Protein backbone atom coordinates (compact mmCIF):
# COMPACT_ATOMS: atom_id res chain seq x y z
CA UNK A 1 -30.97 -66.52 -222.08
CA UNK A 2 -28.39 -64.10 -222.56
CA UNK A 3 -28.96 -64.54 -226.31
CA UNK A 4 -32.20 -63.00 -225.84
CA UNK A 5 -31.46 -60.50 -223.20
CA UNK A 6 -28.92 -59.48 -225.56
CA UNK A 7 -31.30 -59.17 -228.71
CA UNK A 8 -33.57 -57.53 -226.55
CA UNK A 9 -31.44 -55.03 -225.58
CA UNK A 10 -30.12 -54.11 -229.17
CA UNK A 11 -34.20 -54.09 -229.96
CA UNK A 12 -34.35 -51.54 -227.01
CA UNK A 13 -31.26 -49.76 -227.90
CA UNK A 14 -32.45 -49.44 -231.98
CA UNK A 15 -35.88 -48.19 -230.47
CA UNK A 16 -34.45 -45.24 -228.06
CA UNK A 17 -31.80 -44.62 -230.66
CA UNK A 18 -34.93 -44.24 -233.23
CA UNK A 19 -37.18 -42.08 -230.78
CA UNK A 20 -34.05 -39.95 -230.32
CA UNK A 21 -33.60 -39.28 -234.00
CA UNK A 22 -37.34 -38.70 -233.81
CA UNK A 23 -36.73 -35.75 -231.25
CA UNK A 24 -34.46 -34.14 -233.36
CA UNK A 25 -36.36 -34.46 -236.24
CA UNK A 26 -39.55 -32.91 -234.97
CA UNK A 27 -37.15 -30.41 -233.18
CA UNK A 28 -35.48 -29.20 -236.65
CA UNK A 29 -38.73 -29.06 -238.44
CA UNK A 30 -40.97 -27.98 -235.53
CA UNK A 31 -40.32 -26.35 -232.25
CA UNK A 32 -36.96 -24.34 -233.85
CA UNK A 33 -39.94 -22.76 -236.98
CA UNK A 34 -42.20 -21.81 -234.11
CA UNK A 35 -39.19 -20.58 -231.91
CA UNK A 36 -38.04 -17.81 -234.22
CA UNK A 37 -41.66 -16.95 -235.71
CA UNK A 38 -42.37 -16.51 -231.82
CA UNK A 39 -39.48 -14.20 -231.61
CA UNK A 40 -39.75 -12.18 -235.02
CA UNK A 41 -43.44 -11.67 -233.98
CA UNK A 42 -41.69 -10.28 -230.29
CA UNK A 43 -39.59 -8.46 -232.43
CA UNK A 44 -42.64 -7.01 -234.27
CA UNK A 45 -44.88 -6.29 -231.52
CA UNK A 46 -41.80 -4.20 -230.01
CA UNK A 47 -41.21 -2.39 -233.67
CA UNK A 48 -45.27 -1.38 -233.62
CA UNK A 49 -45.00 -0.08 -229.86
CA UNK A 50 -41.40 1.92 -230.50
CA UNK A 51 -42.95 2.99 -233.89
CA UNK A 52 -46.43 3.86 -232.11
CA UNK A 53 -44.11 6.04 -229.74
CA UNK A 54 -42.90 7.88 -232.24
CA UNK A 55 -45.66 8.68 -234.47
CA UNK A 56 -46.92 9.51 -230.97
CA UNK A 57 -44.45 12.34 -229.90
CA UNK A 58 -44.60 13.31 -233.58
CA UNK A 59 -48.15 14.32 -233.68
CA UNK A 60 -47.59 16.11 -230.23
CA UNK A 61 -45.21 17.84 -232.56
CA UNK A 62 -47.15 18.56 -235.21
CA UNK A 63 -50.25 19.76 -232.85
CA UNK A 64 -47.18 22.05 -231.34
CA UNK A 65 -46.48 23.30 -234.67
CA UNK A 66 -50.15 23.90 -235.69
CA UNK A 67 -50.96 25.61 -232.07
CA UNK A 68 -47.52 28.05 -232.73
CA UNK A 69 -48.56 28.95 -236.13
CA UNK A 70 -51.78 29.67 -235.81
CA UNK A 71 -51.08 32.02 -233.23
CA UNK A 72 -48.50 33.80 -235.42
CA UNK A 73 -51.12 33.82 -237.67
CA UNK A 74 -53.34 35.76 -235.40
CA UNK A 75 -50.85 38.03 -234.59
CA UNK A 76 -49.85 38.51 -237.85
CA UNK A 77 -53.34 39.28 -238.41
CA UNK A 78 -54.05 41.38 -235.62
CA UNK A 79 -51.08 44.01 -237.31
CA UNK A 80 -52.97 44.12 -240.34
CA UNK A 81 -56.55 44.48 -239.05
CA UNK A 82 -57.06 44.88 -235.12
CA UNK A 83 -59.75 44.14 -233.33
CA UNK A 84 -60.31 47.56 -232.35
CA UNK A 85 -59.67 50.93 -232.96
CA UNK A 86 -56.17 51.46 -231.57
CA UNK A 87 -56.58 54.82 -232.78
CA UNK A 88 -52.85 55.83 -230.55
CA UNK A 89 -51.11 53.40 -232.48
CA UNK A 90 -53.00 55.20 -235.62
CA UNK A 91 -51.68 58.42 -234.75
CA UNK A 92 -48.18 57.38 -233.50
CA UNK A 93 -47.69 55.75 -237.09
CA UNK A 94 -49.04 58.71 -238.61
CA UNK A 95 -45.94 60.85 -237.15
CA UNK A 96 -43.65 58.59 -238.03
CA UNK A 97 -44.41 58.69 -241.34
CA UNK A 98 -44.30 62.46 -241.19
CA UNK A 99 -40.99 62.20 -239.76
CA UNK A 100 -39.72 59.40 -242.14
CA UNK A 101 -40.67 61.43 -245.02
CA UNK A 102 -40.24 64.65 -244.41
CA UNK A 103 -43.58 66.15 -244.09
CA UNK A 104 -45.48 68.08 -242.26
CA UNK A 105 -48.88 66.95 -240.90
CA UNK A 106 -50.57 70.15 -240.60
CA UNK A 107 -54.17 68.90 -239.73
CA UNK A 108 -55.99 65.24 -238.83
CA UNK A 109 -59.69 64.69 -238.78
CA UNK A 110 -61.21 61.51 -238.00
CA UNK A 111 -64.24 60.05 -238.43
CA UNK A 112 -65.89 56.05 -238.51
CA UNK A 113 -68.80 53.79 -238.80
CA UNK A 114 -68.74 51.83 -235.80
CA UNK A 115 -69.05 52.88 -232.24
CA UNK A 116 -66.05 55.76 -231.20
CA UNK A 117 -64.24 55.65 -227.96
CA UNK A 118 -64.94 58.55 -225.46
CA UNK A 119 -61.97 60.42 -226.28
CA UNK A 120 -59.94 59.58 -229.71
CA UNK A 121 -56.57 60.13 -227.87
CA UNK A 122 -55.91 60.01 -224.24
CA UNK A 123 -54.11 62.46 -222.53
CA UNK A 124 -50.77 60.43 -222.18
CA UNK A 125 -50.30 59.54 -226.06
CA UNK A 126 -51.19 63.21 -226.53
CA UNK A 127 -48.42 63.46 -223.96
CA UNK A 128 -45.92 61.30 -225.43
CA UNK A 129 -46.23 62.52 -228.92
CA UNK A 130 -45.73 66.26 -228.19
CA UNK A 131 -42.42 65.71 -226.21
CA UNK A 132 -40.81 62.85 -229.16
CA UNK A 133 -41.59 65.42 -231.75
CA UNK A 134 -42.66 69.63 -230.72
CA UNK A 135 -43.95 69.91 -234.37
CA UNK A 136 -46.40 67.15 -234.49
CA UNK A 137 -50.04 67.02 -234.44
CA UNK A 138 -52.08 66.71 -231.21
CA UNK A 139 -54.31 63.76 -232.00
CA UNK A 140 -57.81 64.46 -231.45
CA UNK A 141 -60.91 64.33 -234.11
CA UNK A 142 -60.32 68.08 -235.45
CA UNK A 143 -56.19 68.48 -234.56
CA UNK A 144 -54.28 71.75 -235.31
CA UNK A 145 -50.72 72.41 -235.37
CA UNK A 146 -50.20 76.07 -236.72
CA UNK A 147 -50.04 78.32 -233.72
CA UNK A 148 -53.55 80.19 -234.83
CA UNK A 149 -55.42 76.69 -235.62
CA UNK A 150 -58.32 76.96 -238.31
CA UNK A 151 -60.11 74.35 -236.99
CA UNK A 152 -62.76 72.91 -240.16
CA UNK A 153 -66.28 71.92 -239.35
CA UNK A 154 -66.01 69.50 -242.49
CA UNK A 155 -65.46 66.00 -242.00
CA UNK A 156 -64.85 63.54 -244.85
CA UNK A 157 -67.59 60.83 -244.78
CA UNK A 158 -65.96 56.77 -244.48
CA UNK A 159 -66.42 55.01 -247.79
CA UNK A 160 -69.33 53.35 -248.32
CA UNK A 161 -68.54 50.09 -248.51
CA UNK A 162 -72.13 47.95 -248.86
CA UNK A 163 -71.05 44.23 -249.06
CA UNK A 164 -68.51 44.72 -245.98
CA UNK A 165 -69.52 42.55 -242.95
CA UNK A 166 -71.24 43.61 -240.25
CA UNK A 167 -67.79 43.31 -237.97
CA UNK A 168 -65.70 45.19 -240.05
CA UNK A 169 -65.51 49.04 -239.40
CA UNK A 170 -63.77 51.91 -241.22
CA UNK A 171 -61.89 54.69 -239.99
CA UNK A 172 -61.23 57.12 -242.29
CA UNK A 173 -58.55 60.09 -241.13
CA UNK A 174 -58.55 62.95 -243.36
CA UNK A 175 -54.78 64.95 -243.17
CA UNK A 176 -53.08 68.01 -244.47
CA UNK A 177 -49.95 67.67 -245.44
CA UNK A 178 -47.16 69.97 -246.35
CA UNK A 179 -44.23 68.38 -247.95
CA UNK A 180 -41.22 70.68 -249.51
CA UNK A 181 -41.11 69.26 -252.54
CA UNK A 182 -42.80 66.52 -254.57
CA UNK A 183 -40.17 63.71 -254.33
CA UNK A 184 -40.94 64.03 -250.31
CA UNK A 185 -44.18 63.93 -250.66
CA UNK A 186 -43.73 60.69 -252.68
CA UNK A 187 -41.91 59.05 -249.62
CA UNK A 188 -45.02 60.62 -248.13
CA UNK A 189 -47.16 58.14 -249.72
CA UNK A 190 -44.87 55.31 -250.28
CA UNK A 191 -44.80 55.13 -246.43
CA UNK A 192 -48.58 55.02 -246.25
CA UNK A 193 -47.98 52.05 -248.53
CA UNK A 194 -45.54 49.99 -246.69
CA UNK A 195 -47.89 49.66 -243.74
CA UNK A 196 -48.17 46.56 -242.14
CA UNK A 197 -51.86 47.61 -241.01
CA UNK A 198 -54.42 48.16 -244.23
CA UNK A 199 -54.04 51.54 -245.61
CA UNK A 200 -56.13 52.68 -248.88
CA UNK A 201 -55.35 56.26 -249.86
CA UNK A 202 -58.87 57.14 -251.49
CA UNK A 203 -58.80 60.80 -251.87
CA UNK A 204 -55.97 62.68 -252.81
CA UNK A 205 -56.42 66.30 -253.53
CA UNK A 206 -53.70 69.24 -254.30
CA UNK A 207 -54.01 72.81 -252.65
CA UNK A 208 -52.65 75.48 -255.29
CA UNK A 209 -50.55 77.94 -253.72
CA UNK A 210 -50.78 81.83 -254.20
CA UNK A 211 -48.95 83.28 -257.32
CA UNK A 212 -47.51 85.23 -254.78
CA UNK A 213 -45.46 82.44 -252.77
CA UNK A 214 -44.97 80.26 -256.07
CA UNK A 215 -41.49 82.05 -256.71
CA UNK A 216 -39.10 82.80 -253.55
CA UNK A 217 -37.14 85.42 -253.93
CA UNK A 218 -35.47 83.75 -257.51
CA UNK A 219 -36.17 80.03 -256.90
CA UNK A 220 -39.12 78.70 -257.46
CA UNK A 221 -41.40 77.35 -254.37
CA UNK A 222 -41.51 73.83 -255.03
CA UNK A 223 -44.00 73.01 -251.89
CA UNK A 224 -46.51 70.32 -251.82
CA UNK A 225 -49.35 71.21 -250.23
CA UNK A 226 -52.36 68.57 -250.43
CA UNK A 227 -55.33 66.68 -248.38
CA UNK A 228 -55.03 62.98 -248.40
CA UNK A 229 -58.12 60.46 -247.00
CA UNK A 230 -56.81 57.77 -245.52
CA UNK A 231 -59.25 55.21 -244.77
CA UNK A 232 -58.27 52.16 -242.09
CA UNK A 233 -59.86 48.82 -240.71
CA UNK A 234 -60.56 46.88 -237.59
CA UNK A 235 -62.74 43.78 -236.70
CA UNK A 236 -64.65 43.81 -233.82
CA UNK A 237 -65.06 40.21 -233.00
CA UNK A 238 -67.59 40.67 -230.22
């Protein structure tokens, strides 16, 4: 009886040991790899979520940068070709050019191809320009700065652009210029070309002084008197 029990006990222990070995083998062959794969997949999911969040943040920055770039571009384009005539700003720009070039604008005349404002420049702009530079011209449709002005009825027509867009309007400014010499006159032309707002010199006509004023004492009179037509634009988006 005891021998039978001993044999059964050995068989049981062997079977138990075999089951334990099978469990260990199954753990290393199946469970552990599956656990590692599951952890790897969870890590990949976490990484993907982080990447998605990062991409969303970058996309928001890109949208903001695009919006900022668009705003800057709109401002730049508005300076180059404004949506309104902005005649007050144009007159101030011409006054600045007059000061920087050491020349004198004797008269300003405007002509348009679009709708005209009721006044070319309001009274405040005229007062500001007069207080800043006593000798500057008053900005009206036909302006003289001399004490005895000679008002000219001739207005230079706007240059023809048959293929221009319907909303693109032209403003032509005809200026009578007096420069002390050719060098100052060149500075005036360069200052016109340097302006951010598009300005084109489409006519340049020199006035020949009388022989009696060509000589002042023993020195030659080098002053330049000319008429310049400048064309600028504005784009009405309405």
